[in-house]
Amino acid sequence: AIGLGLAALASVTLVACADRACARAANGRVFRSVDKMPAREVGLV
């Protein structure tokens, strides 16, 4: 029971940390309007 509880806690912590890291990386760098999109030479699809 303790092992399963720790595994579940580790999983939840990992998900939360990954979400925060993604949010920080995306802050101010995601655009949704073509008109407001800065121009760059290459787009990676």
All heavy atoms as atom14 arrays in JSON, in Angstrom:
{
  "sequence": "AIGLGLAALASVTLVACADRACARAANGRVFRSVDKMPAREVGLV",
  "atom14_mask": [
    [1, 1, 1, 1, 1, 0, 0, 0, 0, 0, 0, 0, 0, 0],
    [1, 1, 1, 1, 1, 1, 1, 1, 0, 0, 0, 0, 0, 0],
    [1, 1, 1, 1, 0, 0, 0, 0, 0, 0, 0, 0, 0, 0],
    [1, 1, 1, 1, 1, 1, 1, 1, 0, 0, 0, 0, 0, 0],
    [1, 1, 1, 1, 0, 0, 0, 0, 0, 0, 0, 0, 0, 0],
    [1, 1, 1, 1, 1, 1, 1, 1, 0, 0, 0, 0, 0, 0],
    [1, 1, 1, 1, 1, 0, 0, 0, 0, 0, 0, 0, 0, 0],
    [1, 1, 1, 1, 1, 0, 0, 0, 0, 0, 0, 0, 0, 0],
    [1, 1, 1, 1, 1, 1, 1, 1, 0, 0, 0, 0, 0, 0],
    [1, 1, 1, 1, 1, 0, 0, 0, 0, 0, 0, 0, 0, 0],
    [1, 1, 1, 1, 1, 1, 0, 0, 0, 0, 0, 0, 0, 0],
    [1, 1, 1, 1, 1, 1, 1, 0, 0, 0, 0, 0, 0, 0],
    [1, 1, 1, 1, 1, 1, 1, 0, 0, 0, 0, 0, 0, 0],
    [1, 1, 1, 1, 1, 1, 1, 1, 0, 0, 0, 0, 0, 0],
    [1, 1, 1, 1, 1, 1, 1, 0, 0, 0, 0, 0, 0, 0],
    [1, 1, 1, 1, 1, 0, 0, 0, 0, 0, 0, 0, 0, 0],
    [1, 1, 1, 1, 1, 1, 0, 0, 0, 0, 0, 0, 0, 0],
    [1, 1, 1, 1, 1, 0, 0, 0, 0, 0, 0, 0, 0, 0],
    [1, 1, 1, 1, 1, 1, 1, 1, 0, 0, 0, 0, 0, 0],
    [1, 1, 1, 1, 1, 1, 1, 1, 1, 1, 1, 0, 0, 0],
    [1, 1, 1, 1, 1, 0, 0, 0, 0, 0, 0, 0, 0, 0],
    [1, 1, 1, 1, 1, 1, 0, 0, 0, 0, 0, 0, 0, 0],
    [1, 1, 1, 1, 1, 0, 0, 0, 0, 0, 0, 0, 0, 0],
    [1, 1, 1, 1, 1, 1, 1, 1, 1, 1, 1, 0, 0, 0],
    [1, 1, 1, 1, 1, 0, 0, 0, 0, 0, 0, 0, 0, 0],
    [1, 1, 1, 1, 1, 0, 0, 0, 0, 0, 0, 0, 0, 0],
    [1, 1, 1, 1, 1, 1, 1, 1, 0, 0, 0, 0, 0, 0],
    [1, 1, 1, 1, 0, 0, 0, 0, 0, 0, 0, 0, 0, 0],
    [1, 1, 1, 1, 1, 1, 1, 1, 1, 1, 1, 0, 0, 0],
    [1, 1, 1, 1, 1, 1, 1, 0, 0, 0, 0, 0, 0, 0],
    [1, 1, 1, 1, 1, 1, 1, 1, 1, 1, 1, 0, 0, 0],
    [1, 1, 1, 1, 1, 1, 1, 1, 1, 1, 1, 0, 0, 0],
    [1, 1, 1, 1, 1, 1, 0, 0, 0, 0, 0, 0, 0, 0],
    [1, 1, 1, 1, 1, 1, 1, 0, 0, 0, 0, 0, 0, 0],
    [1, 1, 1, 1, 1, 1, 1, 1, 0, 0, 0, 0, 0, 0],
    [1, 1, 1, 1, 1, 1, 1, 1, 1, 0, 0, 0, 0, 0],
    [1, 1, 1, 1, 1, 1, 1, 1, 0, 0, 0, 0, 0, 0],
    [1, 1, 1, 1, 1, 1, 1, 0, 0, 0, 0, 0, 0, 0],
    [1, 1, 1, 1, 1, 0, 0, 0, 0, 0, 0, 0, 0, 0],
    [1, 1, 1, 1, 1, 1, 1, 1, 1, 1, 1, 0, 0, 0],
    [1, 1, 1, 1, 1, 1, 1, 1, 1, 0, 0, 0, 0, 0],
    [1, 1, 1, 1, 1, 1, 1, 0, 0, 0, 0, 0, 0, 0],
    [1, 1, 1, 1, 0, 0, 0, 0, 0, 0, 0, 0, 0, 0],
    [1, 1, 1, 1, 1, 1, 1, 1, 0, 0, 0, 0, 0, 0],
    [1, 1, 1, 1, 1, 1, 1, 0, 0, 0, 0, 0, 0, 0]
  ],
  "atom14_positions": [
    [[0.83, -1.21, 0.0], [0.0, 0.0, 0.0], [0.87, 1.25, 0.0], [0.59, 2.22, -0.72], [-0.93, 0.0, 1.2], [0.0, 0.0, 0.0], [0.0, 0.0, 0.0], [0.0, 0.0, 0.0], [0.0, 0.0, 0.0], [0.0, 0.0, 0.0], [0.0, 0.0, 0.0], [0.0, 0.0, 0.0], [0.0, 0.0, 0.0], [0.0, 0.0, 0.0]],
    [[1.92, 1.24, 0.8], [2.83, 2.39, 0.85], [3.52, 2.57, -0.5], [3.64, 3.69, -1.01], [3.87, 2.21, 1.97], [3.18, 2.27, 3.34], [4.96, 3.28, 1.87], [4.1, 1.92, 4.49], [0.0, 0.0, 0.0], [0.0, 0.0, 0.0], [0.0, 0.0, 0.0], [0.0, 0.0, 0.0], [0.0, 0.0, 0.0], [0.0, 0.0, 0.0]],
    [[3.97, 1.45, -1.09], [4.64, 1.52, -2.38], [3.74, 2.06, -3.47], [4.15, 2.91, -4.27], [0.0, 0.0, 0.0], [0.0, 0.0, 0.0], [0.0, 0.0, 0.0], [0.0, 0.0, 0.0], [0.0, 0.0, 0.0], [0.0, 0.0, 0.0], [0.0, 0.0, 0.0], [0.0, 0.0, 0.0], [0.0, 0.0, 0.0], [0.0, 0.0, 0.0]],
    [[2.51, 1.59, -3.5], [1.55, 2.07, -4.51], [1.23, 3.54, -4.29], [1.1, 4.31, -5.25], [0.28, 1.23, -4.45], [0.4, -0.21, -4.97], [-0.88, -0.99, -4.68], [0.7, -0.22, -6.46], [0.0, 0.0, 0.0], [0.0, 0.0, 0.0], [0.0, 0.0, 0.0], [0.0, 0.0, 0.0], [0.0, 0.0, 0.0], [0.0, 0.0, 0.0]],
    [[1.12, 3.93, -3.02], [0.85, 5.33, -2.71], [1.98, 6.24, -3.15], [1.74, 7.32, -3.73], [0.0, 0.0, 0.0], [0.0, 0.0, 0.0], [0.0, 0.0, 0.0], [0.0, 0.0, 0.0], [0.0, 0.0, 0.0], [0.0, 0.0, 0.0], [0.0, 0.0, 0.0], [0.0, 0.0, 0.0], [0.0, 0.0, 0.0], [0.0, 0.0, 0.0]],
    [[3.21, 5.8, -2.91], [4.36, 6.6, -3.33], [4.46, 6.68, -4.85], [4.81, 7.73, -5.4], [5.64, 5.99, -2.74], [5.82, 6.12, -1.23], [7.04, 5.34, -0.77], [5.94, 7.59, -0.82], [0.0, 0.0, 0.0], [0.0, 0.0, 0.0], [0.0, 0.0, 0.0], [0.0, 0.0, 0.0], [0.0, 0.0, 0.0], [0.0, 0.0, 0.0]],
    [[4.15, 5.57, -5.52], [4.19, 5.58, -6.98], [3.14, 6.53, -7.54], [3.4, 7.28, -8.49], [3.95, 4.16, -7.51], [0.0, 0.0, 0.0], [0.0, 0.0, 0.0], [0.0, 0.0, 0.0], [0.0, 0.0, 0.0], [0.0, 0.0, 0.0], [0.0, 0.0, 0.0], [0.0, 0.0, 0.0], [0.0, 0.0, 0.0], [0.0, 0.0, 0.0]],
    [[1.96, 6.52, -6.94], [0.9, 7.42, -7.39], [1.29, 8.87, -7.15], [1.07, 9.74, -8.01], [-0.41, 7.1, -6.67], [0.0, 0.0, 0.0], [0.0, 0.0, 0.0], [0.0, 0.0, 0.0], [0.0, 0.0, 0.0], [0.0, 0.0, 0.0], [0.0, 0.0, 0.0], [0.0, 0.0, 0.0], [0.0, 0.0, 0.0], [0.0, 0.0, 0.0]],
    [[1.88, 9.15, -5.99], [2.32, 10.51, -5.68], [3.4, 10.97, -6.65], [3.38, 12.12, -7.13], [2.84, 10.56, -4.24], [3.38, 11.92, -3.76], [2.27, 12.98, -3.82], [3.94, 11.8, -2.35], [0.0, 0.0, 0.0], [0.0, 0.0, 0.0], [0.0, 0.0, 0.0], [0.0, 0.0, 0.0], [0.0, 0.0, 0.0], [0.0, 0.0, 0.0]],
    [[4.33, 10.07, -6.97], [5.4, 10.41, -7.91], [4.83, 10.71, -9.29], [5.26, 11.65, -9.96], [6.41, 9.27, -7.99], [0.0, 0.0, 0.0], [0.0, 0.0, 0.0], [0.0, 0.0, 0.0], [0.0, 0.0, 0.0], [0.0, 0.0, 0.0], [0.0, 0.0, 0.0], [0.0, 0.0, 0.0], [0.0, 0.0, 0.0], [0.0, 0.0, 0.0]],
    [[3.84, 9.94, -9.7], [3.21, 10.15, -11.01], [2.51, 11.5, -11.08], [2.64, 12.24, -12.06], [2.21, 9.03, -11.31], [2.87, 7.78, -11.38], [0.0, 0.0, 0.0], [0.0, 0.0, 0.0], [0.0, 0.0, 0.0], [0.0, 0.0, 0.0], [0.0, 0.0, 0.0], [0.0, 0.0, 0.0], [0.0, 0.0, 0.0], [0.0, 0.0, 0.0]],
    [[1.75, 11.82, -10.03], [1.04, 13.1, -9.99], [2.03, 14.26, -9.98], [1.85, 15.27, -10.68], [0.12, 13.16, -8.75], [-0.45, 14.57, -8.58], [-1.01, 12.15, -8.87], [0.0, 0.0, 0.0], [0.0, 0.0, 0.0], [0.0, 0.0, 0.0], [0.0, 0.0, 0.0], [0.0, 0.0, 0.0], [0.0, 0.0, 0.0], [0.0, 0.0, 0.0]],
    [[3.11, 14.11, -9.22], [4.13, 15.16, -9.16], [4.8, 15.36, -10.51], [5.04, 16.49, -10.94], [5.2, 14.8, -8.1], [4.56, 14.64, -6.83], [6.25, 15.89, -8.0], [0.0, 0.0, 0.0], [0.0, 0.0, 0.0], [0.0, 0.0, 0.0], [0.0, 0.0, 0.0], [0.0, 0.0, 0.0], [0.0, 0.0, 0.0], [0.0, 0.0, 0.0]],
    [[5.09, 14.25, -11.18], [5.73, 14.33, -12.5], [4.83, 15.05, -13.5], [5.29, 15.92, -14.25], [6.05, 12.93, -13.0], [6.75, 12.82, -14.36], [8.11, 13.52, -14.33], [6.92, 11.36, -14.76], [0.0, 0.0, 0.0], [0.0, 0.0, 0.0], [0.0, 0.0, 0.0], [0.0, 0.0, 0.0], [0.0, 0.0, 0.0], [0.0, 0.0, 0.0]],
    [[3.54, 14.71, -13.5], [2.59, 15.37, -14.41], [2.53, 16.86, -14.12], [2.55, 17.7, -15.04], [1.19, 14.73, -14.28], [0.16, 15.57, -15.01], [1.21, 13.31, -14.83], [0.0, 0.0, 0.0], [0.0, 0.0, 0.0], [0.0, 0.0, 0.0], [0.0, 0.0, 0.0], [0.0, 0.0, 0.0], [0.0, 0.0, 0.0], [0.0, 0.0, 0.0]],
    [[2.44, 17.22, -12.84], [2.33, 18.63, -12.45], [3.59, 19.41, -12.84], [3.5, 20.53, -13.36], [2.08, 18.75, -10.95], [0.0, 0.0, 0.0], [0.0, 0.0, 0.0], [0.0, 0.0, 0.0], [0.0, 0.0, 0.0], [0.0, 0.0, 0.0], [0.0, 0.0, 0.0], [0.0, 0.0, 0.0], [0.0, 0.0, 0.0], [0.0, 0.0, 0.0]],
    [[4.75, 18.83, -12.61], [6.01, 19.5, -12.95], [6.16, 19.67, -14.45], [6.61, 20.72, -14.93], [7.19, 18.72, -12.39], [7.34, 18.76, -10.59], [0.0, 0.0, 0.0], [0.0, 0.0, 0.0], [0.0, 0.0, 0.0], [0.0, 0.0, 0.0], [0.0, 0.0, 0.0], [0.0, 0.0, 0.0], [0.0, 0.0, 0.0], [0.0, 0.0, 0.0]],
    [[5.78, 18.64, -15.2], [5.86, 18.72, -16.66], [4.92, 19.79, -17.19], [5.27, 20.55, -18.1], [5.54, 17.36, -17.28], [0.0, 0.0, 0.0], [0.0, 0.0, 0.0], [0.0, 0.0, 0.0], [0.0, 0.0, 0.0], [0.0, 0.0, 0.0], [0.0, 0.0, 0.0], [0.0, 0.0, 0.0], [0.0, 0.0, 0.0], [0.0, 0.0, 0.0]],
    [[3.72, 19.87, -16.63], [2.76, 20.9, -17.05], [3.31, 22.3, -16.79], [3.17, 23.2, -17.62], [1.43, 20.71, -16.33], [0.55, 19.66, -16.98], [0.84, 19.29, -18.13], [-0.42, 19.23, -16.36], [0.0, 0.0, 0.0], [0.0, 0.0, 0.0], [0.0, 0.0, 0.0], [0.0, 0.0, 0.0], [0.0, 0.0, 0.0], [0.0, 0.0, 0.0]],
    [[3.9, 22.49, -15.62], [4.46, 23.81, -15.29], [5.61, 24.16, -16.23], [5.73, 25.31, -16.66], [4.92, 23.83, -13.83], [3.8, 23.97, -12.83], [4.31, 24.45, -11.49], [5.24, 23.5, -10.88], [4.88, 22.49, -10.1], [3.6, 22.29, -9.82], [5.78, 21.68, -9.59], [0.0, 0.0, 0.0], [0.0, 0.0, 0.0], [0.0, 0.0, 0.0]],
    [[6.45, 23.19, -16.53], [7.58, 23.44, -17.43], [7.08, 23.82, -18.83], [7.61, 24.74, -19.46], [8.48, 22.2, -17.51], [0.0, 0.0, 0.0], [0.0, 0.0, 0.0], [0.0, 0.0, 0.0], [0.0, 0.0, 0.0], [0.0, 0.0, 0.0], [0.0, 0.0, 0.0], [0.0, 0.0, 0.0], [0.0, 0.0, 0.0], [0.0, 0.0, 0.0]],
    [[6.05, 23.14, -19.29], [5.47, 23.46, -20.6], [4.86, 24.87, -20.6], [5.02, 25.62, -21.56], [4.4, 22.43, -20.97], [5.05, 20.83, -21.49], [0.0, 0.0, 0.0], [0.0, 0.0, 0.0], [0.0, 0.0, 0.0], [0.0, 0.0, 0.0], [0.0, 0.0, 0.0], [0.0, 0.0, 0.0], [0.0, 0.0, 0.0], [0.0, 0.0, 0.0]],
    [[4.17, 25.2, -19.52], [3.54, 26.52, -19.42], [4.59, 27.63, -19.43], [4.41, 28.67, -20.09], [2.7, 26.6, -18.15], [0.0, 0.0, 0.0], [0.0, 0.0, 0.0], [0.0, 0.0, 0.0], [0.0, 0.0, 0.0], [0.0, 0.0, 0.0], [0.0, 0.0, 0.0], [0.0, 0.0, 0.0], [0.0, 0.0, 0.0], [0.0, 0.0, 0.0]],
    [[5.7, 27.42, -18.72], [6.76, 28.44, -18.7], [7.39, 28.58, -20.09], [7.66, 29.7, -20.55], [7.83, 28.05, -17.67], [7.41, 28.24, -16.22], [8.62, 28.21, -15.3], [9.27, 26.91, -15.34], [9.0, 25.9, -14.5], [8.05, 26.05, -13.58], [9.63, 24.75, -14.6], [0.0, 0.0, 0.0], [0.0, 0.0, 0.0], [0.0, 0.0, 0.0]],
    [[7.63, 27.46, -20.75], [8.26, 27.51, -22.07], [7.35, 28.2, -23.1], [7.82, 28.85, -24.02], [8.6, 26.11, -22.54], [0.0, 0.0, 0.0], [0.0, 0.0, 0.0], [0.0, 0.0, 0.0], [0.0, 0.0, 0.0], [0.0, 0.0, 0.0], [0.0, 0.0, 0.0], [0.0, 0.0, 0.0], [0.0, 0.0, 0.0], [0.0, 0.0, 0.0]],
    [[6.04, 28.04, -22.92], [5.09, 28.59, -23.89], [4.71, 30.04, -23.61], [4.12, 30.69, -24.47], [3.82, 27.73, -23.89], [0.0, 0.0, 0.0], [0.0, 0.0, 0.0], [0.0, 0.0, 0.0], [0.0, 0.0, 0.0], [0.0, 0.0, 0.0], [0.0, 0.0, 0.0], [0.0, 0.0, 0.0], [0.0, 0.0, 0.0], [0.0, 0.0, 0.0]],
    [[5.06, 30.53, -22.45], [4.66, 31.88, -22.06], [5.15, 32.93, -23.06], [6.35, 33.12, -23.25], [5.2, 32.19, -20.67], [4.71, 33.53, -20.14], [3.6, 33.96, -20.45], [5.54, 34.2, -19.35], [0.0, 0.0, 0.0], [0.0, 0.0, 0.0], [0.0, 0.0, 0.0], [0.0, 0.0, 0.0], [0.0, 0.0, 0.0], [0.0, 0.0, 0.0]],
    [[4.21, 33.6, -23.71], [4.54, 34.66, -24.67], [5.07, 34.17, -26.01], [5.47, 34.99, -26.84], [0.0, 0.0, 0.0], [0.0, 0.0, 0.0], [0.0, 0.0, 0.0], [0.0, 0.0, 0.0], [0.0, 0.0, 0.0], [0.0, 0.0, 0.0], [0.0, 0.0, 0.0], [0.0, 0.0, 0.0], [0.0, 0.0, 0.0], [0.0, 0.0, 0.0]],
    [[5.07, 32.85, -26.23], [5.65, 32.31, -27.46], [4.64, 31.58, -28.34], [5.0, 31.04, -29.38], [6.81, 31.36, -27.12], [8.02, 32.1, -26.59], [9.2, 31.18, -26.35], [10.41, 31.96, -26.1], [11.25, 32.37, -27.04], [11.02, 32.07, -28.3], [12.32, 33.08, -26.73], [0.0, 0.0, 0.0], [0.0, 0.0, 0.0], [0.0, 0.0, 0.0]],
    [[3.38, 31.52, -27.93], [2.35, 30.84, -28.71], [1.43, 31.89, -29.32], [0.85, 32.72, -28.61], [1.54, 29.85, -27.86], [0.45, 29.19, -28.7], [2.45, 28.79, -27.25], [0.0, 0.0, 0.0], [0.0, 0.0, 0.0], [0.0, 0.0, 0.0], [0.0, 0.0, 0.0], [0.0, 0.0, 0.0], [0.0, 0.0, 0.0], [0.0, 0.0, 0.0]],
    [[1.28, 31.84, -30.64], [0.43, 32.81, -31.36], [-0.72, 32.06, -32.03], [-0.56, 30.94, -32.5], [1.26, 33.57, -32.39], [2.36, 34.4, -31.79], [3.58, 33.81, -31.46], [2.18, 35.75, -31.52], [4.61, 34.56, -30.89], [3.19, 36.5, -30.95], [4.4, 35.91, -30.64], [0.0, 0.0, 0.0], [0.0, 0.0, 0.0], [0.0, 0.0, 0.0]],
    [[-1.86, 32.73, -32.07], [-3.07, 32.09, -32.61], [-3.64, 32.85, -33.81], [-4.55, 32.36, -34.45], [-4.12, 31.97, -31.51], [-3.64, 31.1, -30.35], [-4.44, 31.29, -29.08], [-3.83, 30.56, -27.97], [-2.85, 31.04, -27.22], [-2.36, 32.27, -27.46], [-2.33, 30.32, -26.24], [0.0, 0.0, 0.0], [0.0, 0.0, 0.0], [0.0, 0.0, 0.0]],
    [[-3.11, 34.02, -34.08], [-3.57, 34.84, -35.2], [-2.46, 34.98, -36.23], [-1.31, 35.32, -35.87], [-3.98, 36.23, -34.69], [-4.14, 37.14, -35.76], [0.0, 0.0, 0.0], [0.0, 0.0, 0.0], [0.0, 0.0, 0.0], [0.0, 0.0, 0.0], [0.0, 0.0, 0.0], [0.0, 0.0, 0.0], [0.0, 0.0, 0.0], [0.0, 0.0, 0.0]],
    [[-2.78, 34.72, -37.48], [-1.79, 34.86, -38.54], [-1.29, 36.29, -38.62], [-0.09, 36.54, -38.8], [-2.39, 34.42, -39.89], [-1.43, 34.73, -41.04], [-2.74, 32.94, -39.87], [0.0, 0.0, 0.0], [0.0, 0.0, 0.0], [0.0, 0.0, 0.0], [0.0, 0.0, 0.0], [0.0, 0.0, 0.0], [0.0, 0.0, 0.0], [0.0, 0.0, 0.0]],
    [[-2.17, 37.25, -38.46], [-1.8, 38.66, -38.57], [-0.8, 39.07, -37.49], [0.08, 39.9, -37.73], [-3.04, 39.54, -38.45], [-3.97, 39.4, -39.66], [-3.46, 38.99, -40.73], [-5.17, 39.68, -39.53], [0.0, 0.0, 0.0], [0.0, 0.0, 0.0], [0.0, 0.0, 0.0], [0.0, 0.0, 0.0], [0.0, 0.0, 0.0], [0.0, 0.0, 0.0]],
    [[-0.92, 38.5, -36.3], [-0.05, 38.87, -35.18], [1.21, 38.01, -35.11], [2.07, 38.25, -34.25], [-0.82, 38.76, -33.87], [-1.97, 39.75, -33.77], [-2.71, 39.61, -32.44], [-3.86, 40.61, -32.35], [-4.62, 40.47, -31.08], [0.0, 0.0, 0.0], [0.0, 0.0, 0.0], [0.0, 0.0, 0.0], [0.0, 0.0, 0.0], [0.0, 0.0, 0.0]],
    [[1.31, 37.06, -35.97], [2.44, 36.13, -35.95], [3.71, 36.79, -36.46], [3.74, 37.32, -37.57], [2.11, 34.92, -36.83], [3.13, 33.8, -36.78], [2.92, 32.88, -35.25], [4.55, 32.11, -35.13], [0.0, 0.0, 0.0], [0.0, 0.0, 0.0], [0.0, 0.0, 0.0], [0.0, 0.0, 0.0], [0.0, 0.0, 0.0], [0.0, 0.0, 0.0]],
    [[4.8, 36.8, -35.67], [6.07, 37.32, -36.19], [6.57, 36.47, -37.35], [6.35, 35.26, -37.39], [7.02, 37.19, -34.98], [6.11, 37.1, -33.78], [4.9, 36.39, -34.26], [0.0, 0.0, 0.0], [0.0, 0.0, 0.0], [0.0, 0.0, 0.0], [0.0, 0.0, 0.0], [0.0, 0.0, 0.0], [0.0, 0.0, 0.0], [0.0, 0.0, 0.0]],
    [[7.21, 37.1, -38.3], [7.72, 36.38, -39.47], [9.05, 35.69, -39.14], [9.9, 36.26, -38.45], [7.91, 37.34, -40.63], [0.0, 0.0, 0.0], [0.0, 0.0, 0.0], [0.0, 0.0, 0.0], [0.0, 0.0, 0.0], [0.0, 0.0, 0.0], [0.0, 0.0, 0.0], [0.0, 0.0, 0.0], [0.0, 0.0, 0.0], [0.0, 0.0, 0.0]],
    [[9.2, 34.49, -39.62], [10.46, 33.76, -39.52], [10.68, 33.0, -40.82], [9.74, 32.73, -41.56], [10.46, 32.8, -38.33], [10.53, 33.55, -36.99], [11.11, 32.71, -35.9], [11.39, 33.52, -34.72], [11.89, 33.05, -33.6], [12.15, 31.75, -33.48], [12.14, 33.85, -32.57], [0.0, 0.0, 0.0], [0.0, 0.0, 0.0], [0.0, 0.0, 0.0]],
    [[11.91, 32.66, -41.08], [12.23, 32.03, -42.36], [11.61, 30.64, -42.5], [11.06, 30.29, -43.54], [13.76, 31.94, -42.52], [14.22, 31.37, -43.84], [13.84, 32.25, -45.03], [13.67, 33.47, -44.86], [13.71, 31.69, -46.14], [0.0, 0.0, 0.0], [0.0, 0.0, 0.0], [0.0, 0.0, 0.0], [0.0, 0.0, 0.0], [0.0, 0.0, 0.0]],
    [[11.72, 29.83, -41.46], [11.31, 28.43, -41.56], [10.21, 28.09, -40.55], [10.26, 28.5, -39.39], [12.52, 27.49, -41.33], [12.09, 26.02, -41.4], [13.61, 27.77, -42.35], [0.0, 0.0, 0.0], [0.0, 0.0, 0.0], [0.0, 0.0, 0.0], [0.0, 0.0, 0.0], [0.0, 0.0, 0.0], [0.0, 0.0, 0.0], [0.0, 0.0, 0.0]],
    [[9.24, 27.32, -41.03], [8.22, 26.76, -40.15], [8.41, 25.26, -40.04], [8.59, 24.56, -41.05], [0.0, 0.0, 0.0], [0.0, 0.0, 0.0], [0.0, 0.0, 0.0], [0.0, 0.0, 0.0], [0.0, 0.0, 0.0], [0.0, 0.0, 0.0], [0.0, 0.0, 0.0], [0.0, 0.0, 0.0], [0.0, 0.0, 0.0], [0.0, 0.0, 0.0]],
    [[8.4, 24.75, -38.82], [8.53, 23.31, -38.57], [7.14, 22.74, -38.33], [6.5, 23.02, -37.31], [9.43, 23.08, -37.34], [9.49, 21.64, -36.8], [10.07, 20.68, -37.85], [10.34, 21.6, -35.52], [0.0, 0.0, 0.0], [0.0, 0.0, 0.0], [0.0, 0.0, 0.0], [0.0, 0.0, 0.0], [0.0, 0.0, 0.0], [0.0, 0.0, 0.0]],
    [[6.66, 21.95, -39.27], [5.34, 21.34, -39.15], [5.5, 19.96, -38.52], [6.16, 19.07, -39.09], [4.64, 21.2, -40.52], [3.19, 20.75, -40.33], [4.7, 22.51, -41.29], [0.0, 0.0, 0.0], [0.0, 0.0, 0.0], [0.0, 0.0, 0.0], [0.0, 0.0, 0.0], [0.0, 0.0, 0.0], [0.0, 0.0, 0.0], [0.0, 0.0, 0.0]]
  ]
}
